[in-house]
């Protein structure tokens, strides 16, 4: 499952939802080359994993409050939320196999 999140719905779509299903948030920007490389990889993984987690995409250009609140310094920044908190994260484009290995340890 994939959703676009904004500063306005971040609390409901990420924090609250993560209390029942893990939420993987991709902080990205359209001008960021590595973000554009990572995006299809995350989308494919989200399809492969089905209902195991929700993929939420947050544009840092449009949602600076959420990015600031969670300490996003460079992008792409991917943060895994569970029970309303960040449980792990990585920065930068990663290969699919490495992301799946990371997720398998966390889910």
PDB file of N, CA and C in Angstrom:
ATOM      1  N   UNK A   1       0.834  -1.180   0.000  1.00  0.00           N
ATOM      2  CA  UNK A   1       0.000   0.000   0.000  1.00  0.00           C
ATOM      3  C   UNK A   1       0.882   1.247   0.000  1.00  0.00           C
ATOM      4  N   UNK A   2       0.508   2.216  -0.813  1.00  0.00           N
ATOM      5  CA  UNK A   2       1.267   3.466  -0.930  1.00  0.00           C
ATOM      6  C   UNK A   2       0.361   4.655  -0.700  1.00  0.00           C
ATOM      7  N   UNK A   3       0.884   5.652  -0.004  1.00  0.00           N
ATOM      8  CA  UNK A   3       0.134   6.891   0.194  1.00  0.00           C
ATOM      9  C   UNK A   3       1.097   8.072   0.106  1.00  0.00           C
ATOM     10  N   UNK A   4       0.568   9.223  -0.281  1.00  0.00           N
ATOM     11  CA  UNK A   4       1.328  10.470  -0.207  1.00  0.00           C
ATOM     12  C   UNK A   4       0.924  11.142   1.088  1.00  0.00           C
ATOM     13  N   UNK A   5       1.910  11.589   1.854  1.00  0.00           N
ATOM     14  CA  UNK A   5       1.594  12.258   3.110  1.00  0.00           C
ATOM     15  C   UNK A   5       2.040  13.707   3.063  1.00  0.00           C
ATOM     16  N   UNK A   6       1.363  14.522   3.854  1.00  0.00           N
ATOM     17  CA  UNK A   6       1.635  15.954   3.941  1.00  0.00           C
ATOM     18  C   UNK A   6       1.799  16.326   5.405  1.00  0.00           C
ATOM     19  N   UNK A   7       2.239  17.545   5.645  1.00  0.00           N
ATOM     20  CA  UNK A   7       2.303  18.030   7.029  1.00  0.00           C
ATOM     21  C   UNK A   7       0.931  17.918   7.680  1.00  0.00           C
ATOM     22  N   UNK A   8      -0.129  18.171   6.905  1.00  0.00           N
ATOM     23  CA  UNK A   8      -1.493  18.187   7.445  1.00  0.00           C
ATOM     24  C   UNK A   8      -1.979  16.801   7.871  1.00  0.00           C
ATOM     25  N   UNK A   9      -1.599  15.745   7.123  1.00  0.00           N
ATOM     26  CA  UNK A   9      -2.118  14.419   7.472  1.00  0.00           C
ATOM     27  C   UNK A   9      -1.053  13.472   8.029  1.00  0.00           C
ATOM     28  N   UNK A  10       0.153  13.973   8.288  1.00  0.00           N
ATOM     29  CA  UNK A  10       1.255  13.126   8.747  1.00  0.00           C
ATOM     30  C   UNK A  10       0.909  12.404  10.052  1.00  0.00           C
ATOM     31  N   UNK A  11       0.332  13.131  10.987  1.00  0.00           N
ATOM     32  CA  UNK A  11      -0.019  12.553  12.284  1.00  0.00           C
ATOM     33  C   UNK A  11      -0.959  11.346  12.106  1.00  0.00           C
ATOM     34  N   UNK A  12      -2.009  11.524  11.314  1.00  0.00           N
ATOM     35  CA  UNK A  12      -2.996  10.448  11.123  1.00  0.00           C
ATOM     36  C   UNK A  12      -2.451   9.315  10.265  1.00  0.00           C
ATOM     37  N   UNK A  13      -1.814   9.659   9.152  1.00  0.00           N
ATOM     38  CA  UNK A  13      -1.396   8.642   8.175  1.00  0.00           C
ATOM     39  C   UNK A  13      -0.102   7.912   8.549  1.00  0.00           C
ATOM     40  N   UNK A  14       0.745   8.544   9.354  1.00  0.00           N
ATOM     41  CA  UNK A  14       2.003   7.895   9.728  1.00  0.00           C
ATOM     42  C   UNK A  14       2.000   7.518  11.207  1.00  0.00           C
ATOM     43  N   UNK A  15       1.893   8.504  12.077  1.00  0.00           N
ATOM     44  CA  UNK A  15       2.008   8.241  13.518  1.00  0.00           C
ATOM     45  C   UNK A  15       0.906   7.294  13.997  1.00  0.00           C
ATOM     46  N   UNK A  16      -0.350   7.628  13.722  1.00  0.00           N
ATOM     47  CA  UNK A  16      -1.466   6.794  14.195  1.00  0.00           C
ATOM     48  C   UNK A  16      -1.493   5.443  13.484  1.00  0.00           C
ATOM     49  N   UNK A  17      -1.313   5.446  12.166  1.00  0.00           N
ATOM     50  CA  UNK A  17      -1.360   4.191  11.404  1.00  0.00           C
ATOM     51  C   UNK A  17      -0.251   3.238  11.843  1.00  0.00           C
ATOM     52  N   UNK A  18       0.903   3.798  12.246  1.00  0.00           N
ATOM     53  CA  UNK A  18       2.036   2.944  12.627  1.00  0.00           C
ATOM     54  C   UNK A  18       1.770   2.184  13.924  1.00  0.00           C
ATOM     55  N   UNK A  19       0.703   2.537  14.620  1.00  0.00           N
ATOM     56  CA  UNK A  19       0.358   1.818  15.853  1.00  0.00           C
ATOM     57  C   UNK A  19      -0.276   0.465  15.537  1.00  0.00           C
ATOM     58  N   UNK A  20      -0.744   0.284  14.283  1.00  0.00           N
ATOM     59  CA  UNK A  20      -1.315  -1.003  13.882  1.00  0.00           C
ATOM     60  C   UNK A  20      -0.523  -1.665  12.753  1.00  0.00           C
ATOM     61  N   UNK A  21       0.085  -0.868  11.867  1.00  0.00           N
ATOM     62  CA  UNK A  21       0.864  -1.381  10.742  1.00  0.00           C
ATOM     63  C   UNK A  21       2.128  -0.540  10.604  1.00  0.00           C
ATOM     64  N   UNK A  22       3.302  -1.151  10.466  1.00  0.00           N
ATOM     65  CA  UNK A  22       4.511  -0.343  10.262  1.00  0.00           C
ATOM     66  C   UNK A  22       4.363   0.573   9.037  1.00  0.00           C
ATOM     67  N   UNK A  23       4.905   1.777   9.148  1.00  0.00           N
ATOM     68  CA  UNK A  23       4.849   2.747   8.052  1.00  0.00           C
ATOM     69  C   UNK A  23       6.277   3.137   7.686  1.00  0.00           C
ATOM     70  N   UNK A  24       6.617   2.957   6.415  1.00  0.00           N
ATOM     71  CA  UNK A  24       7.929   3.326   5.892  1.00  0.00           C
ATOM     72  C   UNK A  24       7.767   4.662   5.184  1.00  0.00           C
ATOM     73  N   UNK A  25       8.424   5.698   5.704  1.00  0.00           N
ATOM     74  CA  UNK A  25       8.289   7.034   5.120  1.00  0.00           C
ATOM     75  C   UNK A  25       9.524   7.358   4.299  1.00  0.00           C
ATOM     76  N   UNK A  26       9.267   7.710   3.043  1.00  0.00           N
ATOM     77  CA  UNK A  26      10.322   8.139   2.121  1.00  0.00           C
ATOM     78  C   UNK A  26      10.257   9.655   2.023  1.00  0.00           C
ATOM     79  N   UNK A  27      11.223  10.343   2.635  1.00  0.00           N
ATOM     80  CA  UNK A  27      11.338  11.797   2.491  1.00  0.00           C
ATOM     81  C   UNK A  27      12.165  12.052   1.233  1.00  0.00           C
ATOM     82  N   UNK A  28      11.601  12.757   0.273  1.00  0.00           N
ATOM     83  CA  UNK A  28      12.211  12.903  -1.047  1.00  0.00           C
ATOM     84  C   UNK A  28      11.950  14.311  -1.594  1.00  0.00           C
ATOM     85  N   UNK A  29      12.567  14.610  -2.728  1.00  0.00           N
ATOM     86  CA  UNK A  29      12.295  15.846  -3.472  1.00  0.00           C
ATOM     87  C   UNK A  29      12.478  15.556  -4.962  1.00  0.00           C
ATOM     88  N   UNK A  30      11.716  16.257  -5.787  1.00  0.00           N
ATOM     89  CA  UNK A  30      11.740  15.998  -7.233  1.00  0.00           C
ATOM     90  C   UNK A  30      13.093  16.348  -7.873  1.00  0.00           C
ATOM     91  N   UNK A  31      13.846  17.258  -7.265  1.00  0.00           N
ATOM     92  CA  UNK A  31      15.138  17.676  -7.817  1.00  0.00           C
ATOM     93  C   UNK A  31      16.289  16.770  -7.369  1.00  0.00           C
ATOM     94  N   UNK A  32      15.994  15.772  -6.541  1.00  0.00           N
ATOM     95  CA  UNK A  32      17.018  14.906  -5.940  1.00  0.00           C
ATOM     96  C   UNK A  32      17.199  13.639  -6.777  1.00  0.00           C
ATOM     97  N   UNK A  33      18.328  13.527  -7.471  1.00  0.00           N
ATOM     98  CA  UNK A  33      18.604  12.366  -8.314  1.00  0.00           C
ATOM     99  C   UNK A  33      18.516  11.030  -7.582  1.00  0.00           C
ATOM    100  N   UNK A  34      19.225  10.878  -6.438  1.00  0.00           N
ATOM    101  CA  UNK A  34      19.129   9.615  -5.698  1.00  0.00           C
ATOM    102  C   UNK A  34      17.694   9.297  -5.250  1.00  0.00           C
ATOM    103  N   UNK A  35      16.902  10.328  -4.961  1.00  0.00           N
ATOM    104  CA  UNK A  35      15.493  10.112  -4.580  1.00  0.00           C
ATOM    105  C   UNK A  35      14.733   9.459  -5.728  1.00  0.00           C
ATOM    106  N   UNK A  36      14.987   9.954  -6.941  1.00  0.00           N
ATOM    107  CA  UNK A  36      14.300   9.424  -8.115  1.00  0.00           C
ATOM    108  C   UNK A  36      14.751   7.992  -8.429  1.00  0.00           C
ATOM    109  N   UNK A  37      15.999   7.655  -8.068  1.00  0.00           N
ATOM    110  CA  UNK A  37      16.494   6.290  -8.248  1.00  0.00           C
ATOM    111  C   UNK A  37      15.863   5.349  -7.215  1.00  0.00           C
ATOM    112  N   UNK A  38      15.675   5.842  -5.996  1.00  0.00           N
ATOM    113  CA  UNK A  38      15.151   5.011  -4.903  1.00  0.00           C
ATOM    114  C   UNK A  38      13.651   4.778  -5.017  1.00  0.00           C
ATOM    115  N   UNK A  39      12.936   5.765  -5.542  1.00  0.00           N
ATOM    116  CA  UNK A  39      11.471   5.714  -5.577  1.00  0.00           C
ATOM    117  C   UNK A  39      10.910   4.422  -6.201  1.00  0.00           C
ATOM    118  N   UNK A  40      11.310   4.042  -7.422  1.00  0.00           N
ATOM    119  CA  UNK A  40      10.751   2.815  -7.995  1.00  0.00           C
ATOM    120  C   UNK A  40      11.140   1.556  -7.213  1.00  0.00           C
ATOM    121  N   UNK A  41      12.310   1.574  -6.583  1.00  0.00           N
ATOM    122  CA  UNK A  41      12.738   0.427  -5.772  1.00  0.00           C
ATOM    123  C   UNK A  41      11.806   0.264  -4.580  1.00  0.00           C
ATOM    124  N   UNK A  42      11.509   1.371  -3.886  1.00  0.00           N
ATOM    125  CA  UNK A  42      10.607   1.307  -2.731  1.00  0.00           C
ATOM    126  C   UNK A  42       9.201   0.903  -3.158  1.00  0.00           C
ATOM    127  N   UNK A  43       8.753   1.407  -4.300  1.00  0.00           N
ATOM    128  CA  UNK A  43       7.417   1.060  -4.795  1.00  0.00           C
ATOM    129  C   UNK A  43       7.330  -0.432  -5.109  1.00  0.00           C
ATOM    130  N   UNK A  44       8.383  -0.994  -5.700  1.00  0.00           N
ATOM    131  CA  UNK A  44       8.405  -2.426  -6.003  1.00  0.00           C
ATOM    132  C   UNK A  44       8.395  -3.244  -4.711  1.00  0.00           C
ATOM    133  N   UNK A  45       9.195  -2.841  -3.739  1.00  0.00           N
ATOM    134  CA  UNK A  45       9.251  -3.552  -2.457  1.00  0.00           C
ATOM    135  C   UNK A  45       7.884  -3.490  -1.768  1.00  0.00           C
ATOM    136  N   UNK A  46       7.236  -2.334  -1.810  1.00  0.00           N
ATOM    137  CA  UNK A  46       5.914  -2.192  -1.189  1.00  0.00           C
ATOM    138  C   UNK A  46       4.925  -3.175  -1.823  1.00  0.00           C
ATOM    139  N   UNK A  47       4.995  -3.321  -3.140  1.00  0.00           N
ATOM    140  CA  UNK A  47       4.121  -4.291  -3.829  1.00  0.00           C
ATOM    141  C   UNK A  47       4.468  -5.721  -3.407  1.00  0.00           C
ATOM    142  N   UNK A  48       5.771  -6.025  -3.373  1.00  0.00           N
ATOM    143  CA  UNK A  48       6.224  -7.369  -2.994  1.00  0.00           C
ATOM    144  C   UNK A  48       5.787  -7.745  -1.578  1.00  0.00           C
ATOM    145  N   UNK A  49       5.806  -6.776  -0.664  1.00  0.00           N
ATOM    146  CA  UNK A  49       5.514  -7.047   0.744  1.00  0.00           C
ATOM    147  C   UNK A  49       4.022  -6.941   1.079  1.00  0.00           C
ATOM    148  N   UNK A  50       3.233  -6.436   0.152  1.00  0.00           N
ATOM    149  CA  UNK A  50       1.785  -6.370   0.358  1.00  0.00           C
ATOM    150  C   UNK A  50       1.387  -5.590   1.589  1.00  0.00           C
ATOM    151  N   UNK A  51       0.682  -6.249   2.503  1.00  0.00           N
ATOM    152  CA  UNK A  51       0.119  -5.578   3.681  1.00  0.00           C
ATOM    153  C   UNK A  51       1.079  -5.512   4.866  1.00  0.00           C
ATOM    154  N   UNK A  52       2.336  -5.928   4.683  1.00  0.00           N
ATOM    155  CA  UNK A  52       3.266  -5.947   5.813  1.00  0.00           C
ATOM    156  C   UNK A  52       3.636  -4.553   6.306  1.00  0.00           C
ATOM    157  N   UNK A  53       3.578  -3.570   5.401  1.00  0.00           N
ATOM    158  CA  UNK A  53       3.845  -2.189   5.791  1.00  0.00           C
ATOM    159  C   UNK A  53       3.186  -1.245   4.791  1.00  0.00           C
ATOM    160  N   UNK A  54       3.088   0.012   5.211  1.00  0.00           N
ATOM    161  CA  UNK A  54       2.553   1.068   4.345  1.00  0.00           C
ATOM    162  C   UNK A  54       3.729   1.919   3.897  1.00  0.00           C
ATOM    163  N   UNK A  55       3.811   2.212   2.602  1.00  0.00           N
ATOM    164  CA  UNK A  55       4.832   3.117   2.075  1.00  0.00           C
ATOM    165  C   UNK A  55       4.217   4.506   1.980  1.00  0.00           C
ATOM    166  N   UNK A  56       4.775   5.436   2.743  1.00  0.00           N
ATOM    167  CA  UNK A  56       4.298   6.813   2.725  1.00  0.00           C
ATOM    168  C   UNK A  56       5.383   7.687   2.111  1.00  0.00           C
ATOM    169  N   UNK A  57       4.986   8.519   1.152  1.00  0.00           N
ATOM    170  CA  UNK A  57       5.952   9.384   0.482  1.00  0.00           C
ATOM    171  C   UNK A  57       5.694  10.832   0.875  1.00  0.00           C
ATOM    172  N   UNK A  58       6.745  11.501   1.361  1.00  0.00           N
ATOM    173  CA  UNK A  58       6.622  12.882   1.820  1.00  0.00           C
ATOM    174  C   UNK A  58       7.644  13.753   1.098  1.00  0.00           C
ATOM    175  N   UNK A  59       7.138  14.656   0.272  1.00  0.00           N
ATOM    176  CA  UNK A  59       8.019  15.596  -0.419  1.00  0.00           C
ATOM    177  C   UNK A  59       8.543  16.615   0.591  1.00  0.00           C
ATOM    178  N   UNK A  60       9.875  16.721   0.692  1.00  0.00           N
ATOM    179  CA  UNK A  60      10.438  17.657   1.668  1.00  0.00           C
ATOM    180  C   UNK A  60      10.216  19.107   1.234  1.00  0.00           C
ATOM    181  N   UNK A  61      10.049  19.345  -0.064  1.00  0.00           N
ATOM    182  CA  UNK A  61       9.781  20.710  -0.524  1.00  0.00           C
ATOM    183  C   UNK A  61       8.415  21.183  -0.038  1.00  0.00           C
ATOM    184  N   UNK A  62       7.450  20.275  -0.025  1.00  0.00           N
ATOM    185  CA  UNK A  62       6.080  20.631   0.336  1.00  0.00           C
ATOM    186  C   UNK A  62       5.748  20.392   1.801  1.00  0.00           C
ATOM    187  N   UNK A  63       6.575  19.645   2.502  1.00  0.00           N
ATOM    188  CA  UNK A  63       6.265  19.230   3.880  1.00  0.00           C
ATOM    189  C   UNK A  63       7.457  19.427   4.801  1.00  0.00           C
ATOM    190  N   UNK A  64       7.863  20.669   4.936  1.00  0.00           N
ATOM    191  CA  UNK A  64       9.068  20.969   5.702  1.00  0.00           C
ATOM    192  C   UNK A  64       8.895  20.746   7.196  1.00  0.00           C
ATOM    193  N   UNK A  65       7.669  20.862   7.711  1.00  0.00           N
ATOM    194  CA  UNK A  65       7.456  20.643   9.141  1.00  0.00           C
ATOM    195  C   UNK A  65       7.760  19.206   9.535  1.00  0.00           C
ATOM    196  N   UNK A  66       7.199  18.248   8.786  1.00  0.00           N
ATOM    197  CA  UNK A  66       7.438  16.837   9.099  1.00  0.00           C
ATOM    198  C   UNK A  66       8.917  16.500   8.939  1.00  0.00           C
ATOM    199  N   UNK A  67       9.527  16.982   7.869  1.00  0.00           N
ATOM    200  CA  UNK A  67      10.946  16.709   7.633  1.00  0.00           C
ATOM    201  C   UNK A  67      11.789  17.264   8.782  1.00  0.00           C
ATOM    202  N   UNK A  68      11.480  18.476   9.211  1.00  0.00           N
ATOM    203  CA  UNK A  68      12.219  19.099  10.307  1.00  0.00           C
ATOM    204  C   UNK A  68      12.008  18.382  11.626  1.00  0.00           C
ATOM    205  N   UNK A  69      10.769  18.012  11.890  1.00  0.00           N
ATOM    206  CA  UNK A  69      10.425  17.347  13.153  1.00  0.00           C
ATOM    207  C   UNK A  69      11.180  16.035  13.326  1.00  0.00           C
ATOM    208  N   UNK A  70      11.414  15.335  12.214  1.00  0.00           N
ATOM    209  CA  UNK A  70      12.079  14.039  12.297  1.00  0.00           C
ATOM    210  C   UNK A  70      13.543  14.090  11.877  1.00  0.00           C
ATOM    211  N   UNK A  71      14.109  15.298  11.863  1.00  0.00           N
ATOM    212  CA  UNK A  71      15.543  15.462  11.689  1.00  0.00           C
ATOM    213  C   UNK A  71      16.090  15.082  10.331  1.00  0.00           C
ATOM    214  N   UNK A  72      15.308  15.292   9.279  1.00  0.00           N
ATOM    215  CA  UNK A  72      15.794  14.981   7.937  1.00  0.00           C
ATOM    216  C   UNK A  72      16.824  16.040   7.534  1.00  0.00           C
ATOM    217  N   UNK A  73      18.069  15.609   7.378  1.00  0.00           N
ATOM    218  CA  UNK A  73      19.157  16.520   7.009  1.00  0.00           C
ATOM    219  C   UNK A  73      19.555  16.369   5.551  1.00  0.00           C
ATOM    220  N   UNK A  74      19.485  15.152   5.047  1.00  0.00           N
ATOM    221  CA  UNK A  74      19.776  14.912   3.632  1.00  0.00           C
ATOM    222  C   UNK A  74      18.785  13.877   3.123  1.00  0.00           C
ATOM    223  N   UNK A  75      18.559  13.908   1.828  1.00  0.00           N
ATOM    224  CA  UNK A  75      17.576  13.018   1.237  1.00  0.00           C
ATOM    225  C   UNK A  75      18.211  12.211   0.098  1.00  0.00           C
ATOM    226  N   UNK A  76      17.647  11.078  -0.244  1.00  0.00           N
ATOM    227  CA  UNK A  76      16.459  10.492   0.357  1.00  0.00           C
ATOM    228  C   UNK A  76      16.723  10.003   1.781  1.00  0.00           C
ATOM    229  N   UNK A  77      15.756  10.237   2.649  1.00  0.00           N
ATOM    230  CA  UNK A  77      15.798   9.737   4.018  1.00  0.00           C
ATOM    231  C   UNK A  77      14.586   8.830   4.190  1.00  0.00           C
ATOM    232  N   UNK A  78      14.840   7.603   4.590  1.00  0.00           N
ATOM    233  CA  UNK A  78      13.771   6.624   4.750  1.00  0.00           C
ATOM    234  C   UNK A  78      13.705   6.239   6.222  1.00  0.00           C
ATOM    235  N   UNK A  79      12.517   6.414   6.812  1.00  0.00           N
ATOM    236  CA  UNK A  79      12.343   6.145   8.239  1.00  0.00           C
ATOM    237  C   UNK A  79      11.200   5.166   8.437  1.00  0.00           C
ATOM    238  N   UNK A  80      11.439   4.168   9.267  1.00  0.00           N
ATOM    239  CA  UNK A  80      10.426   3.168   9.571  1.00  0.00           C
ATOM    240  C   UNK A  80       9.781   3.513  10.912  1.00  0.00           C
ATOM    241  N   UNK A  81       8.462   3.736  10.860  1.00  0.00           N
ATOM    242  CA  UNK A  81       7.703   4.062  12.063  1.00  0.00           C
ATOM    243  C   UNK A  81       6.941   2.835  12.547  1.00  0.00           C
ATOM    244  N   UNK A  82       6.980   2.631  13.852  1.00  0.00           N
ATOM    245  CA  UNK A  82       6.187   1.583  14.495  1.00  0.00           C
ATOM    246  C   UNK A  82       5.773   2.124  15.861  1.00  0.00           C
ATOM    247  N   UNK A  83       4.531   1.908  16.231  1.00  0.00           N
ATOM    248  CA  UNK A  83       4.007   2.391  17.520  1.00  0.00           C
ATOM    249  C   UNK A  83       4.227   3.890  17.691  1.00  0.00           C
ATOM    250  N   UNK A  84       4.100   4.629  16.596  1.00  0.00           N
ATOM    251  CA  UNK A  84       4.182   6.082  16.656  1.00  0.00           C
ATOM    252  C   UNK A  84       5.578   6.667  16.714  1.00  0.00           C
ATOM    253  N   UNK A  85       6.607   5.813  16.618  1.00  0.00           N
ATOM    254  CA  UNK A  85       7.982   6.303  16.734  1.00  0.00           C
ATOM    255  C   UNK A  85       8.847   5.767  15.582  1.00  0.00           C
ATOM    256  N   UNK A  86       9.943   6.490  15.309  1.00  0.00           N
ATOM    257  CA  UNK A  86      10.928   6.005  14.340  1.00  0.00           C
ATOM    258  C   UNK A  86      11.707   4.881  15.012  1.00  0.00           C
ATOM    259  N   UNK A  87      11.680   3.681  14.406  1.00  0.00           N
ATOM    260  CA  UNK A  87      12.417   2.554  14.974  1.00  0.00           C
ATOM    261  C   UNK A  87      13.745   2.309  14.253  1.00  0.00           C
ATOM    262  N   UNK A  88      13.842   2.781  13.005  1.00  0.00           N
ATOM    263  CA  UNK A  88      15.106   2.680  12.275  1.00  0.00           C
ATOM    264  C   UNK A  88      15.008   3.541  11.027  1.00  0.00           C
ATOM    265  N   UNK A  89      16.154   3.780  10.405  1.00  0.00           N
ATOM    266  CA  UNK A  89      16.176   4.652   9.230  1.00  0.00           C
ATOM    267  C   UNK A  89      17.445   4.423   8.429  1.00  0.00           C
ATOM    268  N   UNK A  90      17.416   4.892   7.186  1.00  0.00           N
ATOM    269  CA  UNK A  90      18.637   4.941   6.385  1.00  0.00           C
ATOM    270  C   UNK A  90      18.552   6.165   5.475  1.00  0.00           C
ATOM    271  N   UNK A  91      19.719   6.610   5.025  1.00  0.00           N
ATOM    272  CA  UNK A  91      19.803   7.778   4.148  1.00  0.00           C
ATOM    273  C   UNK A  91      20.520   7.358   2.882  1.00  0.00           C
ATOM    274  N   UNK A  92      20.021   7.847   1.739  1.00  0.00           N
ATOM    275  CA  UNK A  92      20.659   7.557   0.462  1.00  0.00           C
ATOM    276  C   UNK A  92      20.002   6.394  -0.247  1.00  0.00           C
ATOM    277  N   UNK A  93      20.211   6.350  -1.553  1.00  0.00           N
ATOM    278  CA  UNK A  93      19.666   5.259  -2.365  1.00  0.00           C
ATOM    279  C   UNK A  93      20.407   3.973  -2.017  1.00  0.00           C
ATOM    280  N   UNK A  94      19.648   2.908  -1.823  1.00  0.00           N
ATOM    281  CA  UNK A  94      20.199   1.604  -1.483  1.00  0.00           C
ATOM    282  C   UNK A  94      19.686   0.584  -2.505  1.00  0.00           C
ATOM    283  N   UNK A  95      20.436  -0.484  -2.722  1.00  0.00           N
ATOM    284  CA  UNK A  95      19.939  -1.525  -3.630  1.00  0.00           C
ATOM    285  C   UNK A  95      18.755  -2.282  -3.015  1.00  0.00           C
ATOM    286  N   UNK A  96      17.908  -2.806  -3.880  1.00  0.00           N
ATOM    287  CA  UNK A  96      16.703  -3.504  -3.448  1.00  0.00           C
ATOM    288  C   UNK A  96      17.001  -4.606  -2.421  1.00  0.00           C
ATOM    289  N   UNK A  97      17.994  -5.426  -2.698  1.00  0.00           N
ATOM    290  CA  UNK A  97      18.312  -6.547  -1.801  1.00  0.00           C
ATOM    291  C   UNK A  97      18.682  -6.053  -0.399  1.00  0.00           C
ATOM    292  N   UNK A  98      19.418  -4.971  -0.338  1.00  0.00           N
ATOM    293  CA  UNK A  98      19.847  -4.428   0.956  1.00  0.00           C
ATOM    294  C   UNK A  98      18.639  -3.882   1.727  1.00  0.00           C
ATOM    295  N   UNK A  99      17.726  -3.217   1.026  1.00  0.00           N
ATOM    296  CA  UNK A  99      16.528  -2.676   1.683  1.00  0.00           C
ATOM    297  C   UNK A  99      15.652  -3.820   2.190  1.00  0.00           C
ATOM    298  N   UNK A 100      15.490  -4.866   1.380  1.00  0.00           N
ATOM    299  CA  UNK A 100      14.673  -6.013   1.803  1.00  0.00           C
ATOM    300  C   UNK A 100      15.284  -6.692   3.027  1.00  0.00           C
ATOM    301  N   UNK A 101      16.599  -6.834   3.037  1.00  0.00           N
ATOM    302  CA  UNK A 101      17.275  -7.432   4.186  1.00  0.00           C
ATOM    303  C   UNK A 101      17.032  -6.582   5.435  1.00  0.00           C
ATOM    304  N   UNK A 102      17.171  -5.271   5.293  1.00  0.00           N
ATOM    305  CA  UNK A 102      16.938  -4.331   6.397  1.00  0.00           C
ATOM    306  C   UNK A 102      15.492  -4.442   6.898  1.00  0.00           C
ATOM    307  N   UNK A 103      14.533  -4.452   5.960  1.00  0.00           N
ATOM    308  CA  UNK A 103      13.123  -4.561   6.330  1.00  0.00           C
ATOM    309  C   UNK A 103      12.815  -5.885   7.019  1.00  0.00           C
ATOM    310  N   UNK A 104      13.368  -6.969   6.511  1.00  0.00           N
ATOM    311  CA  UNK A 104      13.108  -8.288   7.088  1.00  0.00           C
ATOM    312  C   UNK A 104      13.543  -8.341   8.560  1.00  0.00           C
ATOM    313  N   UNK A 105      14.568  -7.605   8.912  1.00  0.00           N
ATOM    314  CA  UNK A 105      15.026  -7.562  10.302  1.00  0.00           C
ATOM    315  C   UNK A 105      14.090  -6.724  11.175  1.00  0.00           C
ATOM    316  N   UNK A 106      13.387  -5.779  10.553  1.00  0.00           N
ATOM    317  CA  UNK A 106      12.581  -4.821  11.322  1.00  0.00           C
ATOM    318  C   UNK A 106      11.102  -5.173  11.398  1.00  0.00           C
ATOM    319  N   UNK A 107      10.588  -5.904  10.402  1.00  0.00           N
ATOM    320  CA  UNK A 107       9.148  -6.171  10.365  1.00  0.00           C
ATOM    321  C   UNK A 107       8.771  -7.394  11.181  1.00  0.00           C
TER     322      UNK A 107
END
